[in-house]
């Protein structure tokens, strides 16, 4: 038998590079290879790095201050607007302010033997006229709108005079009636009451 023929040996071929695993690209002639990112900061001097950090910090602080100022201004405007609206509404609902008046009532036949300026009181048929006697003010509908009282009586040329004041009179009535101790009233307009100086006289 003849021996089998031997096949010639084939030298192994170089392995093909895998996709995506290409080796480092050769440097282009006349160009230096790119520096890694970290080396860029290394090239900056320490002073430049510090200045850059300070600038970034100042910018951040300025932005925060501006935001706070804008928010504060908006809040102040809202508060001012709410306060103004509340004040206007309160003024509209409260209406006109009450007012006061003053005057006196004189007992002509009392205190004839007293010196001028001496204290005096109502006597006889006028014993109800004295210190503390109530003074009532009613409106056109007869509603009591305010009241006060007589002060101490004092001897004057006209007799025994008792001054009085009445506060917190409700405005808006066509006329008012001022009455001392249920002895009849004196009719006055609002303007006359506001002017004050009312005068009553009882007796001869």
C-alpha atoms as a PDB file:
ATOM      1  CA  UNK A   1       0.000   0.000   0.000  1.00  0.00           C
ATOM      2  CA  UNK A   2       1.127   3.482  -0.679  1.00  0.00           C
ATOM      3  CA  UNK A   3       1.436   5.990   2.182  1.00  0.00           C
ATOM      4  CA  UNK A   4      -1.104   8.806   2.295  1.00  0.00           C
ATOM      5  CA  UNK A   5       0.016  12.114   0.984  1.00  0.00           C
ATOM      6  CA  UNK A   6       0.755  14.774   3.583  1.00  0.00           C
ATOM      7  CA  UNK A   7      -0.876  18.151   3.095  1.00  0.00           C
ATOM      8  CA  UNK A   8       1.458  21.081   3.194  1.00  0.00           C
ATOM      9  CA  UNK A   9       1.268  23.028   6.511  1.00  0.00           C
ATOM     10  CA  UNK A  10      -0.318  26.511   6.379  1.00  0.00           C
ATOM     11  CA  UNK A  11       1.186  29.117   8.680  1.00  0.00           C
ATOM     12  CA  UNK A  12      -1.362  30.600  11.112  1.00  0.00           C
ATOM     13  CA  UNK A  13      -2.733  33.932  10.026  1.00  0.00           C
ATOM     14  CA  UNK A  14      -2.654  37.004  12.291  1.00  0.00           C
ATOM     15  CA  UNK A  15      -5.842  37.376  14.329  1.00  0.00           C
ATOM     16  CA  UNK A  16      -8.177  40.063  13.015  1.00  0.00           C
ATOM     17  CA  UNK A  17      -8.746  42.914  15.439  1.00  0.00           C
ATOM     18  CA  UNK A  18     -12.153  42.911  17.059  1.00  0.00           C
ATOM     19  CA  UNK A  19     -14.542  45.730  16.137  1.00  0.00           C
ATOM     20  CA  UNK A  20     -14.330  48.701  18.488  1.00  0.00           C
ATOM     21  CA  UNK A  21     -10.949  47.608  19.861  1.00  0.00           C
ATOM     22  CA  UNK A  22      -8.762  49.518  17.498  1.00  0.00           C
ATOM     23  CA  UNK A  23      -5.484  50.573  18.937  1.00  0.00           C
ATOM     24  CA  UNK A  24      -4.453  54.132  19.609  1.00  0.00           C
ATOM     25  CA  UNK A  25      -4.581  56.338  16.556  1.00  0.00           C
ATOM     26  CA  UNK A  26      -1.213  57.452  15.369  1.00  0.00           C
ATOM     27  CA  UNK A  27      -0.397  61.073  15.998  1.00  0.00           C
ATOM     28  CA  UNK A  28      -0.788  63.365  13.039  1.00  0.00           C
ATOM     29  CA  UNK A  29       2.414  64.840  11.827  1.00  0.00           C
ATOM     30  CA  UNK A  30       3.046  68.338  13.282  1.00  0.00           C
ATOM     31  CA  UNK A  31       0.300  68.004  15.959  1.00  0.00           C
ATOM     32  CA  UNK A  32       0.814  67.172  19.593  1.00  0.00           C
ATOM     33  CA  UNK A  33      -1.479  64.531  21.075  1.00  0.00           C
ATOM     34  CA  UNK A  34      -4.495  65.981  22.959  1.00  0.00           C
ATOM     35  CA  UNK A  35      -3.923  66.432  26.654  1.00  0.00           C
ATOM     36  CA  UNK A  36      -6.182  64.604  29.080  1.00  0.00           C
ATOM     37  CA  UNK A  37      -8.929  66.772  30.727  1.00  0.00           C
ATOM     38  CA  UNK A  38      -7.251  66.858  34.102  1.00  0.00           C
ATOM     39  CA  UNK A  39      -4.122  68.468  32.708  1.00  0.00           C
ATOM     40  CA  UNK A  40      -6.069  71.610  31.628  1.00  0.00           C
ATOM     41  CA  UNK A  41      -6.663  72.607  35.270  1.00  0.00           C
ATOM     42  CA  UNK A  42      -3.028  71.766  36.001  1.00  0.00           C
ATOM     43  CA  UNK A  43      -1.940  74.349  33.438  1.00  0.00           C
ATOM     44  CA  UNK A  44      -3.831  77.139  35.301  1.00  0.00           C
ATOM     45  CA  UNK A  45      -1.889  78.888  37.985  1.00  0.00           C
ATOM     46  CA  UNK A  46      -3.104  78.706  41.553  1.00  0.00           C
ATOM     47  CA  UNK A  47      -3.980  82.421  41.518  1.00  0.00           C
ATOM     48  CA  UNK A  48      -6.212  82.026  38.468  1.00  0.00           C
ATOM     49  CA  UNK A  49      -8.002  79.084  40.051  1.00  0.00           C
ATOM     50  CA  UNK A  50      -8.636  81.102  43.223  1.00  0.00           C
ATOM     51  CA  UNK A  51      -9.933  84.093  41.236  1.00  0.00           C
ATOM     52  CA  UNK A  52     -12.223  81.829  39.237  1.00  0.00           C
ATOM     53  CA  UNK A  53     -13.625  80.297  42.440  1.00  0.00           C
ATOM     54  CA  UNK A  54     -14.209  83.719  43.996  1.00  0.00           C
ATOM     55  CA  UNK A  55     -16.011  84.919  40.868  1.00  0.00           C
ATOM     56  CA  UNK A  56     -18.319  81.901  40.877  1.00  0.00           C
ATOM     57  CA  UNK A  57     -19.070  82.424  44.589  1.00  0.00           C
ATOM     58  CA  UNK A  58     -19.871  86.126  44.116  1.00  0.00           C
ATOM     59  CA  UNK A  59     -22.181  85.326  41.205  1.00  0.00           C
ATOM     60  CA  UNK A  60     -24.037  82.726  43.287  1.00  0.00           C
ATOM     61  CA  UNK A  61     -24.464  85.124  46.224  1.00  0.00           C
ATOM     62  CA  UNK A  62     -25.702  87.902  43.915  1.00  0.00           C
ATOM     63  CA  UNK A  63     -28.259  85.600  42.306  1.00  0.00           C
ATOM     64  CA  UNK A  64     -29.538  84.518  45.724  1.00  0.00           C
ATOM     65  CA  UNK A  65     -29.807  88.121  46.953  1.00  0.00           C
ATOM     66  CA  UNK A  66     -31.701  89.178  43.813  1.00  0.00           C
ATOM     67  CA  UNK A  67     -34.166  86.300  44.178  1.00  0.00           C
ATOM     68  CA  UNK A  68     -34.765  87.121  47.852  1.00  0.00           C
ATOM     69  CA  UNK A  69     -35.271  90.821  47.073  1.00  0.00           C
ATOM     70  CA  UNK A  70     -37.808  90.094  44.340  1.00  0.00           C
ATOM     71  CA  UNK A  71     -39.752  87.685  46.530  1.00  0.00           C
ATOM     72  CA  UNK A  72     -39.723  90.157  49.429  1.00  0.00           C
ATOM     73  CA  UNK A  73     -40.967  92.996  47.199  1.00  0.00           C
ATOM     74  CA  UNK A  74     -43.834  90.870  45.904  1.00  0.00           C
ATOM     75  CA  UNK A  75     -44.810  89.878  49.448  1.00  0.00           C
ATOM     76  CA  UNK A  76     -44.719  93.516  50.601  1.00  0.00           C
ATOM     77  CA  UNK A  77     -46.933  94.578  47.704  1.00  0.00           C
ATOM     78  CA  UNK A  78     -49.430  91.844  48.526  1.00  0.00           C
ATOM     79  CA  UNK A  79     -49.467  92.833  52.204  1.00  0.00           C
ATOM     80  CA  UNK A  80     -49.852  96.529  51.368  1.00  0.00           C
ATOM     81  CA  UNK A  81     -52.666  95.761  48.986  1.00  0.00           C
ATOM     82  CA  UNK A  82     -54.452  93.625  51.588  1.00  0.00           C
ATOM     83  CA  UNK A  83     -54.055  96.287  54.253  1.00  0.00           C
ATOM     84  CA  UNK A  84     -55.315  99.057  51.976  1.00  0.00           C
ATOM     85  CA  UNK A  85     -58.342  96.987  50.963  1.00  0.00           C
ATOM     86  CA  UNK A  86     -59.171  96.171  54.591  1.00  0.00           C
ATOM     87  CA  UNK A  87     -58.845  99.819  55.639  1.00  0.00           C
ATOM     88  CA  UNK A  88     -61.069 101.004  52.788  1.00  0.00           C
ATOM     89  CA  UNK A  89     -63.708  98.394  53.591  1.00  0.00           C
ATOM     90  CA  UNK A  90     -63.662  99.343  57.282  1.00  0.00           C
ATOM     91  CA  UNK A  91     -64.065 103.037  56.421  1.00  0.00           C
ATOM     92  CA  UNK A  92     -67.014 102.305  54.157  1.00  0.00           C
ATOM     93  CA  UNK A  93     -68.850 100.205  56.735  1.00  0.00           C
ATOM     94  CA  UNK A  94     -68.164 102.444  59.754  1.00  0.00           C
ATOM     95  CA  UNK A  95     -70.056 105.454  58.344  1.00  0.00           C
ATOM     96  CA  UNK A  96     -69.840 109.046  59.643  1.00  0.00           C
ATOM     97  CA  UNK A  97     -68.079 109.628  62.944  1.00  0.00           C
ATOM     98  CA  UNK A  98     -70.206 110.583  65.980  1.00  0.00           C
ATOM     99  CA  UNK A  99     -69.863 114.109  67.357  1.00  0.00           C
ATOM    100  CA  UNK A 100     -70.386 115.988  70.619  1.00  0.00           C
ATOM    101  CA  UNK A 101     -71.970 119.185  71.892  1.00  0.00           C
ATOM    102  CA  UNK A 102     -72.003 121.346  75.015  1.00  0.00           C
ATOM    103  CA  UNK A 103     -74.190 123.963  76.667  1.00  0.00           C
ATOM    104  CA  UNK A 104     -75.726 125.071  79.963  1.00  0.00           C
ATOM    105  CA  UNK A 105     -79.033 125.406  81.780  1.00  0.00           C
ATOM    106  CA  UNK A 106     -79.671 128.391  84.108  1.00  0.00           C
ATOM    107  CA  UNK A 107     -82.168 128.637  86.973  1.00  0.00           C
ATOM    108  CA  UNK A 108     -82.952 132.361  86.954  1.00  0.00           C
ATOM    109  CA  UNK A 109     -84.597 132.506  90.394  1.00  0.00           C
ATOM    110  CA  UNK A 110     -81.972 130.482  92.294  1.00  0.00           C
ATOM    111  CA  UNK A 111     -78.868 131.809  94.066  1.00  0.00           C
ATOM    112  CA  UNK A 112     -79.977 135.404  94.564  1.00  0.00           C
ATOM    113  CA  UNK A 113     -78.055 135.782  97.842  1.00  0.00           C
ATOM    114  CA  UNK A 114     -74.882 134.005  96.697  1.00  0.00           C
ATOM    115  CA  UNK A 115     -71.638 135.548  95.600  1.00  0.00           C
ATOM    116  CA  UNK A 116     -70.591 135.191  91.975  1.00  0.00           C
ATOM    117  CA  UNK A 117     -68.824 131.880  91.386  1.00  0.00           C
ATOM    118  CA  UNK A 118     -70.300 130.176  94.462  1.00  0.00           C
ATOM    119  CA  UNK A 119     -71.697 126.640  94.098  1.00  0.00           C
ATOM    120  CA  UNK A 120     -75.471 126.386  93.895  1.00  0.00           C
ATOM    121  CA  UNK A 121     -78.246 123.822  93.392  1.00  0.00           C
ATOM    122  CA  UNK A 122     -81.859 123.846  92.278  1.00  0.00           C
ATOM    123  CA  UNK A 123     -84.360 124.415  95.081  1.00  0.00           C
ATOM    124  CA  UNK A 124     -88.127 124.309  95.455  1.00  0.00           C
ATOM    125  CA  UNK A 125     -89.729 123.411  92.150  1.00  0.00           C
ATOM    126  CA  UNK A 126     -86.307 123.051  90.555  1.00  0.00           C
ATOM    127  CA  UNK A 127     -84.837 120.571  92.996  1.00  0.00           C
ATOM    128  CA  UNK A 128     -84.478 118.063  90.159  1.00  0.00           C
ATOM    129  CA  UNK A 129     -81.926 120.345  88.486  1.00  0.00           C
ATOM    130  CA  UNK A 130     -78.616 119.598  90.146  1.00  0.00           C
ATOM    131  CA  UNK A 131     -75.198 118.065  89.658  1.00  0.00           C
ATOM    132  CA  UNK A 132     -75.529 114.730  87.795  1.00  0.00           C
ATOM    133  CA  UNK A 133     -79.001 115.378  86.338  1.00  0.00           C
ATOM    134  CA  UNK A 134     -79.271 113.566  82.991  1.00  0.00           C
ATOM    135  CA  UNK A 135     -79.283 115.378  79.647  1.00  0.00           C
ATOM    136  CA  UNK A 136     -80.862 113.376  76.796  1.00  0.00           C
ATOM    137  CA  UNK A 137     -80.610 113.911  73.040  1.00  0.00           C
ATOM    138  CA  UNK A 138     -83.110 112.234  70.705  1.00  0.00           C
ATOM    139  CA  UNK A 139     -83.275 112.223  66.907  1.00  0.00           C
ATOM    140  CA  UNK A 140     -86.213 113.113  64.634  1.00  0.00           C
ATOM    141  CA  UNK A 141     -87.781 109.693  65.236  1.00  0.00           C
ATOM    142  CA  UNK A 142     -87.670 110.156  69.022  1.00  0.00           C
ATOM    143  CA  UNK A 143     -84.854 107.623  69.465  1.00  0.00           C
ATOM    144  CA  UNK A 144     -82.308 108.323  72.199  1.00  0.00           C
ATOM    145  CA  UNK A 145     -78.983 108.776  70.412  1.00  0.00           C
ATOM    146  CA  UNK A 146     -76.802 110.186  73.226  1.00  0.00           C
ATOM    147  CA  UNK A 147     -76.889 111.360  76.828  1.00  0.00           C
ATOM    148  CA  UNK A 148     -74.758 113.295  79.289  1.00  0.00           C
ATOM    149  CA  UNK A 149     -75.188 114.964  82.690  1.00  0.00           C
ATOM    150  CA  UNK A 150     -75.032 118.351  84.401  1.00  0.00           C
ATOM    151  CA  UNK A 151     -71.849 119.562  86.066  1.00  0.00           C
ATOM    152  CA  UNK A 152     -71.777 121.514  89.348  1.00  0.00           C
ATOM    153  CA  UNK A 153     -73.992 124.619  89.460  1.00  0.00           C
ATOM    154  CA  UNK A 154     -72.276 128.000  89.776  1.00  0.00           C
ATOM    155  CA  UNK A 155     -73.715 131.399  90.687  1.00  0.00           C
ATOM    156  CA  UNK A 156     -73.674 133.792  87.723  1.00  0.00           C
ATOM    157  CA  UNK A 157     -75.336 137.119  86.929  1.00  0.00           C
ATOM    158  CA  UNK A 158     -78.188 135.195  85.264  1.00  0.00           C
ATOM    159  CA  UNK A 159     -78.790 132.856  88.232  1.00  0.00           C
ATOM    160  CA  UNK A 160     -77.524 129.343  89.014  1.00  0.00           C
ATOM    161  CA  UNK A 161     -75.901 127.942  85.877  1.00  0.00           C
ATOM    162  CA  UNK A 162     -75.125 124.245  85.236  1.00  0.00           C
ATOM    163  CA  UNK A 163     -72.822 123.444  82.295  1.00  0.00           C
ATOM    164  CA  UNK A 164     -73.041 120.089  80.466  1.00  0.00           C
ATOM    165  CA  UNK A 165     -71.423 118.127  77.653  1.00  0.00           C
ATOM    166  CA  UNK A 166     -72.805 115.274  75.559  1.00  0.00           C
ATOM    167  CA  UNK A 167     -70.553 113.047  73.436  1.00  0.00           C
ATOM    168  CA  UNK A 168     -71.064 110.303  70.849  1.00  0.00           C
ATOM    169  CA  UNK A 169     -74.114 111.810  69.149  1.00  0.00           C
ATOM    170  CA  UNK A 170     -75.174 109.763  66.110  1.00  0.00           C
ATOM    171  CA  UNK A 171     -75.128 112.020  63.013  1.00  0.00           C
ATOM    172  CA  UNK A 172     -77.576 112.091  60.107  1.00  0.00           C
ATOM    173  CA  UNK A 173     -80.892 113.169  61.665  1.00  0.00           C
ATOM    174  CA  UNK A 174     -82.887 116.120  60.263  1.00  0.00           C
ATOM    175  CA  UNK A 175     -83.110 117.599  63.755  1.00  0.00           C
ATOM    176  CA  UNK A 176     -82.453 116.701  67.394  1.00  0.00           C
ATOM    177  CA  UNK A 177     -84.157 117.417  70.710  1.00  0.00           C
ATOM    178  CA  UNK A 178     -82.098 118.238  73.810  1.00  0.00           C
ATOM    179  CA  UNK A 179     -83.953 117.641  77.082  1.00  0.00           C
ATOM    180  CA  UNK A 180     -82.851 118.174  80.703  1.00  0.00           C
ATOM    181  CA  UNK A 181     -84.682 116.162  83.366  1.00  0.00           C
ATOM    182  CA  UNK A 182     -87.896 115.751  81.342  1.00  0.00           C
ATOM    183  CA  UNK A 183     -88.591 119.497  81.400  1.00  0.00           C
ATOM    184  CA  UNK A 184     -89.236 119.857  77.719  1.00  0.00           C
ATOM    185  CA  UNK A 185     -86.752 119.824  74.893  1.00  0.00           C
ATOM    186  CA  UNK A 186     -84.850 122.342  72.853  1.00  0.00           C
ATOM    187  CA  UNK A 187     -84.934 121.511  69.129  1.00  0.00           C
ATOM    188  CA  UNK A 188     -81.629 121.912  67.294  1.00  0.00           C
ATOM    189  CA  UNK A 189     -80.191 121.059  63.894  1.00  0.00           C
ATOM    190  CA  UNK A 190     -77.061 118.944  63.569  1.00  0.00           C
ATOM    191  CA  UNK A 191     -75.037 122.032  62.632  1.00  0.00           C
ATOM    192  CA  UNK A 192     -76.235 123.840  65.776  1.00  0.00           C
ATOM    193  CA  UNK A 193     -75.335 120.873  67.959  1.00  0.00           C
ATOM    194  CA  UNK A 194     -71.896 120.641  66.388  1.00  0.00           C
ATOM    195  CA  UNK A 195     -71.348 124.352  67.046  1.00  0.00           C
ATOM    196  CA  UNK A 196     -72.186 123.873  70.763  1.00  0.00           C
ATOM    197  CA  UNK A 197     -72.899 126.669  73.220  1.00  0.00           C
ATOM    198  CA  UNK A 198     -76.538 125.626  73.812  1.00  0.00           C
ATOM    199  CA  UNK A 199     -78.418 127.657  76.457  1.00  0.00           C
ATOM    200  CA  UNK A 200     -81.516 126.722  78.510  1.00  0.00           C
ATOM    201  CA  UNK A 201     -83.225 129.036  81.015  1.00  0.00           C
ATOM    202  CA  UNK A 202     -85.847 128.040  83.582  1.00  0.00           C
ATOM    203  CA  UNK A 203     -87.731 130.460  85.838  1.00  0.00           C
ATOM    204  CA  UNK A 204     -88.310 134.201  85.767  1.00  0.00           C
END
